[in-house]
PDB file of N, CA and C in Angstrom:
ATOM      1  N   MET A   1    -101.393 -71.138  41.556  1.00  0.00           N
ATOM      2  CA  MET A   1    -100.278 -72.087  40.911  1.00  0.00           C
ATOM      3  C   MET A   1    -100.823 -73.349  40.823  1.00  0.00           C
ATOM      4  N   GLU A   2    -100.739 -73.905  39.663  1.00  0.00           N
ATOM      5  CA  GLU A   2    -101.483 -75.372  39.275  1.00  0.00           C
ATOM      6  C   GLU A   2    -100.288 -76.522  39.954  1.00  0.00           C
ATOM      7  N   PRO A   3    -101.251 -77.606  40.169  1.00  0.00           N
ATOM      8  CA  PRO A   3    -100.265 -78.668  41.004  1.00  0.00           C
ATOM      9  C   PRO A   3     -99.228 -79.156  39.934  1.00  0.00           C
ATOM     10  N   ALA A   4     -97.983 -79.639  40.658  1.00  0.00           N
ATOM     11  CA  ALA A   4     -97.060 -80.004  39.927  1.00  0.00           C
ATOM     12  C   ALA A   4     -97.242 -81.331  39.403  1.00  0.00           C
ATOM     13  N   ARG A   5     -96.699 -81.346  38.128  1.00  0.00           N
ATOM     14  CA  ARG A   5     -97.176 -82.597  37.040  1.00  0.00           C
ATOM     15  C   ARG A   5     -96.411 -83.916  37.951  1.00  0.00           C
ATOM     16  N   GLN A   6     -97.057 -85.110  37.634  1.00  0.00           N
ATOM     17  CA  GLN A   6     -96.543 -86.245  38.381  1.00  0.00           C
ATOM     18  C   GLN A   6     -96.297 -87.278  37.404  1.00  0.00           C
ATOM     19  N   TYR A   7     -95.274 -88.156  37.311  1.00  0.00           N
ATOM     20  CA  TYR A   7     -94.777 -89.201  36.425  1.00  0.00           C
ATOM     21  C   TYR A   7     -94.215 -90.190  37.337  1.00  0.00           C
ATOM     22  N   ASN A   8     -94.305 -91.398  36.727  1.00  0.00           N
ATOM     23  CA  ASN A   8     -93.771 -92.465  37.483  1.00  0.00           C
ATOM     24  C   ASN A   8     -92.266 -92.558  37.070  1.00  0.00           C
ATOM     25  N   VAL A   9     -91.747 -93.564  37.770  1.00  0.00           N
ATOM     26  CA  VAL A   9     -90.097 -93.669  37.762  1.00  0.00           C
ATOM     27  C   VAL A   9     -89.879 -93.767  36.305  1.00  0.00           C
ATOM     28  N   ARG A  10     -90.572 -94.726  35.993  1.00  0.00           N
ATOM     29  CA  ARG A  10     -90.224 -95.279  34.299  1.00  0.00           C
ATOM     30  C   ARG A  10     -90.156 -93.970  33.449  1.00  0.00           C
ATOM     31  N   GLU A  11     -91.501 -93.242  33.129  1.00  0.00           N
ATOM     32  CA  GLU A  11     -91.673 -92.017  32.376  1.00  0.00           C
ATOM     33  C   GLU A  11     -90.654 -90.998  32.913  1.00  0.00           C
ATOM     34  N   ALA A  12     -89.892 -91.062  34.244  1.00  0.00           N
ATOM     35  CA  ALA A  12     -88.902 -90.112  34.504  1.00  0.00           C
ATOM     36  C   ALA A  12     -87.686 -90.409  34.062  1.00  0.00           C
ATOM     37  N   LYS A  13     -87.550 -91.373  34.181  1.00  0.00           N
ATOM     38  CA  LYS A  13     -86.205 -92.184  33.283  1.00  0.00           C
ATOM     39  C   LYS A  13     -86.218 -91.974  31.776  1.00  0.00           C
ATOM     40  N   THR A  14     -87.420 -92.059  31.081  1.00  0.00           N
ATOM     41  CA  THR A  14     -87.314 -92.045  29.804  1.00  0.00           C
ATOM     42  C   THR A  14     -87.306 -90.671  29.321  1.00  0.00           C
ATOM     43  N   HIS A  15     -88.099 -89.555  29.975  1.00  0.00           N
ATOM     44  CA  HIS A  15     -88.178 -88.392  29.456  1.00  0.00           C
ATOM     45  C   HIS A  15     -87.408 -87.259  30.475  1.00  0.00           C
ATOM     46  N   PHE A  16     -86.257 -87.655  31.209  1.00  0.00           N
ATOM     47  CA  PHE A  16     -85.375 -86.955  32.024  1.00  0.00           C
ATOM     48  C   PHE A  16     -85.013 -85.667  31.480  1.00  0.00           C
ATOM     49  N   SER A  17     -84.560 -85.663  30.091  1.00  0.00           N
ATOM     50  CA  SER A  17     -84.124 -84.022  29.792  1.00  0.00           C
ATOM     51  C   SER A  17     -85.451 -83.262  29.658  1.00  0.00           C
ATOM     52  N   ARG A  18     -86.601 -83.808  29.256  1.00  0.00           N
ATOM     53  CA  ARG A  18     -87.518 -82.980  28.944  1.00  0.00           C
ATOM     54  C   ARG A  18     -88.494 -82.564  30.460  1.00  0.00           C
ATOM     55  N   LEU A  19     -88.200 -83.250  31.638  1.00  0.00           N
ATOM     56  CA  LEU A  19     -88.641 -83.135  32.761  1.00  0.00           C
ATOM     57  C   LEU A  19     -87.667 -82.151  33.391  1.00  0.00           C
ATOM     58  N   LEU A  20     -86.260 -82.155  32.858  1.00  0.00           N
ATOM     59  CA  LEU A  20     -85.313 -80.835  33.442  1.00  0.00           C
ATOM     60  C   LEU A  20     -85.752 -79.298  32.403  1.00  0.00           C
ATOM     61  N   GLN A  21     -85.973 -79.668  31.596  1.00  0.00           N
ATOM     62  CA  GLN A  21     -86.664 -78.570  30.881  1.00  0.00           C
ATOM     63  C   GLN A  21     -87.840 -78.048  31.330  1.00  0.00           C
ATOM     64  N   GLN A  22     -88.885 -78.582  31.930  1.00  0.00           N
ATOM     65  CA  GLN A  22     -89.806 -77.973  32.630  1.00  0.00           C
ATOM     66  C   GLN A  22     -89.682 -77.408  33.973  1.00  0.00           C
ATOM     67  N   VAL A  23     -88.632 -78.085  34.370  1.00  0.00           N
ATOM     68  CA  VAL A  23     -88.288 -77.425  35.828  1.00  0.00           C
ATOM     69  C   VAL A  23     -87.691 -75.974  35.510  1.00  0.00           C
ATOM     70  N   GLU A  24     -86.622 -76.250  34.502  1.00  0.00           N
ATOM     71  CA  GLU A  24     -85.907 -74.716  34.349  1.00  0.00           C
ATOM     72  C   GLU A  24     -86.855 -73.842  34.017  1.00  0.00           C
ATOM     73  N   THR A  25     -87.866 -74.007  33.687  1.00  0.00           N
ATOM     74  CA  THR A  25     -89.153 -73.042  33.174  1.00  0.00           C
ATOM     75  C   THR A  25     -89.754 -72.594  34.508  1.00  0.00           C
ATOM     76  N   GLY A  26     -89.430 -73.151  35.636  1.00  0.00           N
ATOM     77  CA  GLY A  26     -90.295 -72.687  36.770  1.00  0.00           C
ATOM     78  C   GLY A  26     -91.289 -73.665  37.340  1.00  0.00           C
ATOM     79  N   GLU A  27     -91.400 -75.086  36.531  1.00  0.00           N
ATOM     80  CA  GLU A  27     -92.591 -75.913  36.848  1.00  0.00           C
ATOM     81  C   GLU A  27     -91.901 -77.022  38.177  1.00  0.00           C
ATOM     82  N   GLU A  28     -92.387 -77.535  38.941  1.00  0.00           N
ATOM     83  CA  GLU A  28     -92.047 -78.396  39.735  1.00  0.00           C
ATOM     84  C   GLU A  28     -92.690 -80.013  39.158  1.00  0.00           C
ATOM     85  N   VAL A  29     -92.058 -81.137  39.231  1.00  0.00           N
ATOM     86  CA  VAL A  29     -92.259 -82.284  38.841  1.00  0.00           C
ATOM     87  C   VAL A  29     -92.060 -83.280  40.089  1.00  0.00           C
ATOM     88  N   VAL A  30     -93.173 -84.069  40.200  1.00  0.00           N
ATOM     89  CA  VAL A  30     -93.359 -85.030  41.192  1.00  0.00           C
ATOM     90  C   VAL A  30     -93.005 -86.420  40.613  1.00  0.00           C
ATOM     91  N   ILE A  31     -92.189 -87.156  41.161  1.00  0.00           N
ATOM     92  CA  ILE A  31     -92.016 -88.665  41.067  1.00  0.00           C
ATOM     93  C   ILE A  31     -92.618 -89.534  41.708  1.00  0.00           C
ATOM     94  N   SER A  32     -93.060 -90.626  41.330  1.00  0.00           N
ATOM     95  CA  SER A  32     -93.957 -91.541  42.124  1.00  0.00           C
ATOM     96  C   SER A  32     -93.469 -92.880  41.658  1.00  0.00           C
ATOM     97  N   ARG A  33     -93.881 -93.472  42.934  1.00  0.00           N
ATOM     98  CA  ARG A  33     -93.578 -95.288  42.744  1.00  0.00           C
ATOM     99  C   ARG A  33     -94.734 -96.002  43.101  1.00  0.00           C
ATOM    100  N   ALA A  34     -95.079 -96.670  42.083  1.00  0.00           N
ATOM    101  CA  ALA A  34     -96.431 -97.342  42.542  1.00  0.00           C
ATOM    102  C   ALA A  34     -97.530 -96.332  43.108  1.00  0.00           C
ATOM    103  N   GLY A  35     -97.658 -95.410  42.333  1.00  0.00           N
ATOM    104  CA  GLY A  35     -98.563 -94.363  42.459  1.00  0.00           C
ATOM    105  C   GLY A  35     -98.697 -93.188  43.881  1.00  0.00           C
ATOM    106  N   LYS A  36     -97.303 -93.659  44.438  1.00  0.00           N
ATOM    107  CA  LYS A  36     -97.193 -92.823  45.737  1.00  0.00           C
ATOM    108  C   LYS A  36     -95.937 -91.850  45.379  1.00  0.00           C
ATOM    109  N   PRO A  37     -96.442 -90.589  45.497  1.00  0.00           N
ATOM    110  CA  PRO A  37     -95.249 -89.683  45.458  1.00  0.00           C
ATOM    111  C   PRO A  37     -93.861 -89.899  46.370  1.00  0.00           C
ATOM    112  N   VAL A  38     -92.822 -89.798  45.769  1.00  0.00           N
ATOM    113  CA  VAL A  38     -91.621 -90.203  46.301  1.00  0.00           C
ATOM    114  C   VAL A  38     -90.366 -89.028  46.560  1.00  0.00           C
ATOM    115  N   ALA A  39     -90.656 -88.090  45.496  1.00  0.00           N
ATOM    116  CA  ALA A  39     -89.870 -87.131  45.157  1.00  0.00           C
ATOM    117  C   ALA A  39     -90.298 -85.787  44.402  1.00  0.00           C
ATOM    118  N   LYS A  40     -89.883 -84.810  44.632  1.00  0.00           N
ATOM    119  CA  LYS A  40     -90.265 -83.611  44.026  1.00  0.00           C
ATOM    120  C   LYS A  40     -88.990 -83.026  43.310  1.00  0.00           C
ATOM    121  N   VAL A  41     -88.910 -82.586  42.371  1.00  0.00           N
ATOM    122  CA  VAL A  41     -88.138 -81.922  41.471  1.00  0.00           C
ATOM    123  C   VAL A  41     -88.311 -80.462  41.428  1.00  0.00           C
ATOM    124  N   VAL A  42     -87.574 -79.535  41.932  1.00  0.00           N
ATOM    125  CA  VAL A  42     -87.839 -77.853  41.882  1.00  0.00           C
ATOM    126  C   VAL A  42     -86.926 -77.064  41.275  1.00  0.00           C
ATOM    127  N   PRO A  43     -87.259 -76.148  40.792  1.00  0.00           N
ATOM    128  CA  PRO A  43     -86.088 -75.395  40.212  1.00  0.00           C
ATOM    129  C   PRO A  43     -85.190 -74.760  41.273  1.00  0.00           C
ATOM    130  N   LEU A  44     -83.900 -74.496  41.313  1.00  0.00           N
ATOM    131  CA  LEU A  44     -82.824 -73.870  42.210  1.00  0.00           C
ATOM    132  C   LEU A  44     -83.137 -72.575  41.529  1.00  0.00           C
ATOM    133  N   HIS A  45     -82.998 -71.846  43.046  1.00  0.00           N
ATOM    134  CA  HIS A  45     -82.845 -70.339  42.673  1.00  0.00           C
ATOM    135  C   HIS A  45     -81.348 -69.971  42.873  1.00  0.00           C
ATOM    136  N   PRO A  46     -80.678 -69.169  42.067  1.00  0.00           N
ATOM    137  CA  PRO A  46     -79.191 -69.076  42.141  1.00  0.00           C
ATOM    138  C   PRO A  46     -79.059 -67.884  43.145  1.00  0.00           C
ATOM    139  N   LYS A  47     -78.222 -68.303  43.851  1.00  0.00           N
ATOM    140  CA  LYS A  47     -77.675 -67.004  45.274  1.00  0.00           C
ATOM    141  C   LYS A  47     -77.290 -65.843  44.695  1.00  0.00           C
ATOM    142  N   VAL A  48     -77.741 -64.950  45.172  1.00  0.00           N
ATOM    143  CA  VAL A  48     -77.284 -63.489  44.615  1.00  0.00           C
ATOM    144  C   VAL A  48     -76.171 -63.069  45.300  1.00  0.00           C
ATOM    145  N   ASN A  49     -75.185 -62.553  44.887  1.00  0.00           N
ATOM    146  CA  ASN A  49     -73.940 -62.060  45.597  1.00  0.00           C
ATOM    147  C   ASN A  49     -73.958 -60.461  45.267  1.00  0.00           C
ATOM    148  N   ARG A  50     -74.164 -59.769  46.080  1.00  0.00           N
ATOM    149  CA  ARG A  50     -74.015 -58.334  45.878  1.00  0.00           C
ATOM    150  C   ARG A  50     -72.599 -57.826  46.243  1.00  0.00           C
ATOM    151  N   THR A  51     -71.936 -57.620  45.046  1.00  0.00           N
ATOM    152  CA  THR A  51     -70.899 -57.229  45.344  1.00  0.00           C
ATOM    153  C   THR A  51     -70.365 -55.918  44.979  1.00  0.00           C
ATOM    154  N   ASP A  52     -71.377 -54.977  44.609  1.00  0.00           N
ATOM    155  CA  ASP A  52     -71.215 -53.494  44.453  1.00  0.00           C
ATOM    156  C   ASP A  52     -71.938 -52.802  45.577  1.00  0.00           C
ATOM    157  N   TYR A  53     -71.291 -51.606  46.273  1.00  0.00           N
ATOM    158  CA  TYR A  53     -71.928 -50.925  47.071  1.00  0.00           C
ATOM    159  C   TYR A  53     -73.156 -49.851  46.351  1.00  0.00           C
ATOM    160  N   GLY A  54     -74.328 -49.596  47.312  1.00  0.00           N
ATOM    161  CA  GLY A  54     -75.046 -48.718  46.602  1.00  0.00           C
ATOM    162  C   GLY A  54     -76.059 -49.443  45.603  1.00  0.00           C
ATOM    163  N   ALA A  55     -76.073 -50.870  45.401  1.00  0.00           N
ATOM    164  CA  ALA A  55     -77.141 -51.245  44.417  1.00  0.00           C
ATOM    165  C   ALA A  55     -78.334 -51.154  44.808  1.00  0.00           C
ATOM    166  N   LEU A  56     -78.746 -50.702  46.125  1.00  0.00           N
ATOM    167  CA  LEU A  56     -80.243 -50.426  46.487  1.00  0.00           C
ATOM    168  C   LEU A  56     -80.367 -48.995  46.568  1.00  0.00           C
ATOM    169  N   ARG A  57     -79.495 -48.127  46.213  1.00  0.00           N
ATOM    170  CA  ARG A  57     -79.187 -46.510  46.482  1.00  0.00           C
ATOM    171  C   ARG A  57     -80.829 -45.897  45.744  1.00  0.00           C
ATOM    172  N   GLY A  58     -81.485 -45.278  46.541  1.00  0.00           N
ATOM    173  CA  GLY A  58     -82.807 -44.753  46.293  1.00  0.00           C
ATOM    174  C   GLY A  58     -83.898 -45.695  46.370  1.00  0.00           C
ATOM    175  N   GLN A  59     -83.728 -46.821  46.820  1.00  0.00           N
ATOM    176  CA  GLN A  59     -84.784 -47.869  47.069  1.00  0.00           C
ATOM    177  C   GLN A  59     -84.965 -47.942  48.761  1.00  0.00           C
ATOM    178  N   ILE A  60     -84.272 -47.568  49.586  1.00  0.00           N
ATOM    179  CA  ILE A  60     -84.461 -47.828  51.018  1.00  0.00           C
ATOM    180  C   ILE A  60     -84.149 -46.422  51.695  1.00  0.00           C
ATOM    181  N   TYR A  61     -85.098 -46.232  52.457  1.00  0.00           N
ATOM    182  CA  TYR A  61     -84.980 -45.000  53.437  1.00  0.00           C
ATOM    183  C   TYR A  61     -84.931 -45.456  54.829  1.00  0.00           C
ATOM    184  N   ILE A  62     -84.419 -44.792  55.437  1.00  0.00           N
ATOM    185  CA  ILE A  62     -84.080 -45.041  56.973  1.00  0.00           C
ATOM    186  C   ILE A  62     -84.258 -43.655  57.427  1.00  0.00           C
ATOM    187  N   ALA A  63     -85.180 -43.640  58.116  1.00  0.00           N
ATOM    188  CA  ALA A  63     -85.885 -42.533  59.110  1.00  0.00           C
ATOM    189  C   ALA A  63     -84.681 -42.146  60.083  1.00  0.00           C
ATOM    190  N   GLU A  64     -84.498 -40.448  60.250  1.00  0.00           N
ATOM    191  CA  GLU A  64     -83.644 -39.964  61.158  1.00  0.00           C
ATOM    192  C   GLU A  64     -83.630 -40.600  62.572  1.00  0.00           C
ATOM    193  N   ASP A  65     -84.935 -40.768  62.960  1.00  0.00           N
ATOM    194  CA  ASP A  65     -84.801 -41.430  64.415  1.00  0.00           C
ATOM    195  C   ASP A  65     -85.036 -42.668  64.448  1.00  0.00           C
ATOM    196  N   PHE A  66     -84.186 -43.482  63.361  1.00  0.00           N
ATOM    197  CA  PHE A  66     -84.472 -45.005  63.492  1.00  0.00           C
ATOM    198  C   PHE A  66     -83.675 -45.622  65.008  1.00  0.00           C
ATOM    199  N   ASP A  67     -82.780 -44.993  65.345  1.00  0.00           N
ATOM    200  CA  ASP A  67     -82.061 -45.524  66.606  1.00  0.00           C
ATOM    201  C   ASP A  67     -82.861 -45.351  67.916  1.00  0.00           C
ATOM    202  N   GLU A  68     -83.791 -44.128  67.928  1.00  0.00           N
ATOM    203  CA  GLU A  68     -84.356 -43.989  69.075  1.00  0.00           C
ATOM    204  C   GLU A  68     -85.773 -44.853  69.197  1.00  0.00           C
ATOM    205  N   LEU A  69     -85.808 -45.291  70.699  1.00  0.00           N
ATOM    206  CA  LEU A  69     -86.539 -46.114  70.944  1.00  0.00           C
ATOM    207  C   LEU A  69     -87.820 -45.604  71.679  1.00  0.00           C
ATOM    208  N   PRO A  70     -88.828 -45.815  71.783  1.00  0.00           N
ATOM    209  CA  PRO A  70     -89.811 -45.097  72.666  1.00  0.00           C
ATOM    210  C   PRO A  70     -89.484 -45.691  73.961  1.00  0.00           C
ATOM    211  N   ASP A  71     -89.414 -44.705  75.042  1.00  0.00           N
ATOM    212  CA  ASP A  71     -89.499 -45.084  76.351  1.00  0.00           C
ATOM    213  C   ASP A  71     -89.722 -46.473  76.841  1.00  0.00           C
ATOM    214  N   ASP A  72     -91.066 -46.847  76.621  1.00  0.00           N
ATOM    215  CA  ASP A  72     -91.381 -47.952  77.242  1.00  0.00           C
ATOM    216  C   ASP A  72     -90.643 -49.423  76.595  1.00  0.00           C
ATOM    217  N   ILE A  73     -90.330 -49.217  74.970  1.00  0.00           N
ATOM    218  CA  ILE A  73     -89.594 -50.345  74.623  1.00  0.00           C
ATOM    219  C   ILE A  73     -88.196 -50.344  75.381  1.00  0.00           C
ATOM    220  N   ALA A  74     -87.664 -48.889  75.332  1.00  0.00           N
ATOM    221  CA  ALA A  74     -86.274 -48.828  76.048  1.00  0.00           C
ATOM    222  C   ALA A  74     -86.195 -49.328  77.496  1.00  0.00           C
ATOM    223  N   ASP A  75     -87.323 -49.190  78.288  1.00  0.00           N
ATOM    224  CA  ASP A  75     -87.181 -49.801  79.599  1.00  0.00           C
ATOM    225  C   ASP A  75     -87.379 -51.048  79.772  1.00  0.00           C
ATOM    226  N   ALA A  76     -88.356 -51.557  78.741  1.00  0.00           N
ATOM    227  CA  ALA A  76     -88.360 -53.296  78.632  1.00  0.00           C
ATOM    228  C   ALA A  76     -87.055 -53.901  78.554  1.00  0.00           C
ATOM    229  N   PHE A  77     -86.033 -53.000  77.835  1.00  0.00           N
ATOM    230  CA  PHE A  77     -84.945 -53.687  77.587  1.00  0.00           C
ATOM    231  C   PHE A  77     -83.663 -53.403  78.501  1.00  0.00           C
ATOM    232  N   GLY A  78     -84.084 -52.632  79.648  1.00  0.00           N
ATOM    233  CA  GLY A  78     -83.116 -52.116  80.394  1.00  0.00           C
ATOM    234  C   GLY A  78     -82.250 -51.082  79.983  1.00  0.00           C
ATOM    235  N   MET A  79     -82.734 -50.232  79.043  1.00  0.00           N
ATOM    236  CA  MET A  79     -81.922 -49.133  78.565  1.00  0.00           C
ATOM    237  C   MET A  79     -81.938 -47.928  79.028  1.00  0.00           C
ATOM    238  N   HIS A  80     -82.760 -47.546  79.937  1.00  0.00           N
ATOM    239  CA  HIS A  80     -82.802 -46.547  80.660  1.00  0.00           C
ATOM    240  C   HIS A  80     -82.173 -46.338  82.328  1.00  0.00           C
ATOM    241  N   GLY A  81     -81.240 -45.744  82.476  1.00  0.00           N
ATOM    242  CA  GLY A  81     -80.732 -45.750  83.636  1.00  0.00           C
ATOM    243  C   GLY A  81     -80.856 -45.138  84.779  1.00  0.00           C
TER     244      GLY A  81
END
């Protein structure tokens, strides 16, 4: 990944719309004051809301013995009586 582009405050103010377009395409932009970085503008990743059941059907496999613990691990958790 290449380093973030850096702009001083004046450039950022003048070209704000262009900077946002760069961020929307996945780039990161650093804003600096007197040559020192003070802020980073990064793309937001939208939250994924899964509302439909079965969206991952066929992509996930749960073994039949999933709930069975080996004796040594069960003992470590005090699960054998």
